[in-house]
Amino acid sequence: QVQLMESGGGLVQAGGSLRLSCVASGNTAGINGMAWYRQTPGNERNFVARITPGGHTDYTDSVKGRFSISRDIAMKTSYLQMNSLKPEDTAVYYCAVTAFSRVVWGQGTQVTVSS
């Protein structure tokens, strides 16, 4: 019902910036939350940032002060602005939304930070 398309990943040097985008399509009226997660090979998918319908944001400690999540008013697009990137930020980043009490995941976009 809801599909997510992520973009913006790539290779960047340490200290650089990237902006990830997530565009939702389909029955987007049911989306009531947006978030970003990341995963490295052999590890669990970990929470990075989220934004609530009321605009409240939350971040995992390791990205506070460096990453910023935002969204459009329609809850159709979310962004993850990543500044001061570190090699340990290297991962596949996944957009996620909550829609009709279900979690929908994007396909993931690779972020690689070189040292």
Protein backbone atom coordinates (compact mmCIF):
# COMPACT_ATOMS: atom_id res chain seq x y z
CA GLN A 1 0.00 0.00 0.00
CA VAL A 2 2.84 2.37 0.89
CA GLN A 3 6.18 2.32 -0.90
CA LEU A 4 9.33 4.20 0.02
CA MET A 5 12.11 5.36 -2.28
CA GLU A 6 15.40 6.44 -0.76
CA SER A 7 18.16 8.41 -2.38
CA GLY A 8 21.18 10.51 -1.54
CA GLY A 9 23.66 7.91 -0.36
CA GLY A 10 27.19 7.77 -1.62
CA LEU A 11 30.85 8.03 -0.77
CA VAL A 12 32.05 11.00 1.25
CA GLN A 13 35.19 11.90 3.14
CA ALA A 14 35.20 12.16 6.91
CA GLY A 15 33.92 15.55 7.97
CA GLY A 16 31.73 15.86 4.90
CA SER A 17 27.97 15.96 4.54
CA LEU A 18 25.22 14.03 2.83
CA ARG A 19 21.48 14.53 2.66
CA LEU A 20 19.29 11.46 2.39
CA SER A 21 15.76 11.67 1.04
CA CYS A 22 12.83 9.32 1.42
CA VAL A 23 9.74 9.75 -0.73
CA ALA A 24 6.59 7.83 0.10
CA SER A 25 4.06 6.84 -2.50
CA GLY A 26 0.82 4.94 -2.50
CA ASN A 27 -1.61 5.37 0.36
CA THR A 28 0.46 7.99 2.12
CA ALA A 29 -2.51 9.34 4.06
CA GLY A 30 -1.99 6.60 6.61
CA ILE A 31 1.57 7.59 7.51
CA ASN A 32 1.84 8.76 11.10
CA GLY A 33 5.55 8.54 11.77
CA MET A 34 8.84 8.69 9.91
CA ALA A 35 12.27 7.50 10.93
CA TRP A 36 15.72 6.52 9.73
CA TYR A 37 17.66 3.41 10.69
CA ARG A 38 21.03 2.06 9.65
CA GLN A 39 22.61 -1.37 9.43
CA THR A 40 26.10 -2.74 8.87
CA PRO A 41 26.86 -6.31 7.73
CA GLY A 42 26.32 -8.87 10.44
CA ASN A 43 24.70 -6.38 12.81
CA GLU A 44 21.19 -5.44 13.77
CA ARG A 45 19.34 -2.58 12.18
CA ASN A 46 19.70 0.33 14.59
CA PHE A 47 17.64 3.42 15.16
CA VAL A 48 19.11 6.73 14.00
CA ALA A 49 16.42 9.40 14.05
CA ARG A 50 12.68 9.86 14.06
CA ILE A 51 10.13 12.62 13.77
CA THR A 52 6.60 12.55 15.12
CA PRO A 53 3.47 14.01 13.54
CA GLY A 54 3.79 16.91 15.99
CA GLY A 55 7.33 17.66 14.86
CA HIS A 56 9.21 16.23 17.81
CA THR A 57 12.56 14.73 16.87
CA ASP A 58 14.67 12.10 18.54
CA TYR A 59 18.18 10.87 17.77
CA THR A 60 20.50 8.14 18.85
CA ASP A 61 23.28 9.56 21.00
CA SER A 62 26.05 8.98 18.49
CA VAL A 63 24.53 11.33 15.90
CA LYS A 64 23.20 14.11 18.13
CA GLY A 65 24.43 17.50 17.00
CA ARG A 66 25.47 16.15 13.61
CA PHE A 67 22.32 14.70 12.02
CA SER A 68 18.97 16.37 11.55
CA ILE A 69 15.70 14.77 10.49
CA SER A 70 12.94 16.73 8.82
CA ARG A 71 9.81 16.13 6.81
CA ASP A 72 7.27 17.93 4.69
CA ILE A 73 3.91 18.83 6.18
CA ALA A 74 2.13 16.12 4.19
CA MET A 75 4.30 13.40 5.78
CA LYS A 76 5.23 12.24 2.30
CA THR A 77 8.92 13.06 2.29
CA SER A 78 11.55 12.81 5.00
CA TYR A 79 15.14 13.96 4.98
CA LEU A 80 18.18 13.07 6.98
CA GLN A 81 20.83 15.77 6.86
CA MET A 82 24.14 14.27 7.93
CA ASN A 83 26.99 16.61 8.78
CA SER A 84 30.46 16.02 10.20
CA LEU A 85 30.33 12.44 9.01
CA LYS A 86 32.60 9.88 10.60
CA PRO A 87 33.81 6.52 9.27
CA GLU A 88 31.67 4.81 11.90
CA ASP A 89 28.60 6.30 10.21
CA THR A 90 29.22 3.97 7.27
CA ALA A 91 26.15 1.79 6.85
CA VAL A 92 23.11 1.09 4.75
CA TYR A 93 20.52 3.67 5.76
CA TYR A 94 16.86 2.75 5.70
CA CYS A 95 13.87 5.01 5.73
CA ALA A 96 10.92 3.72 7.71
CA VAL A 97 7.36 4.88 8.16
CA THR A 98 4.47 3.76 10.27
CA ALA A 99 1.31 3.40 8.22
CA PHE A 100 -1.93 1.80 9.35
CA SER A 101 -0.15 0.23 12.35
CA ARG A 102 2.47 -1.36 10.10
CA VAL A 103 6.13 -0.51 9.64
CA VAL A 104 7.17 -0.03 6.04
CA TRP A 105 10.83 -0.03 5.06
CA GLY A 106 12.64 1.46 2.13
CA GLN A 107 15.17 -0.49 0.11
CA GLY A 108 18.15 1.16 1.77
CA THR A 109 20.85 3.47 0.49
CA GLN A 110 24.56 2.96 1.09
CA VAL A 111 26.52 5.63 2.92
CA THR A 112 30.28 5.18 2.99
CA VAL A 113 32.52 7.58 4.89
CA SER A 114 36.21 7.32 4.13
CA SER A 115 38.92 8.16 6.63
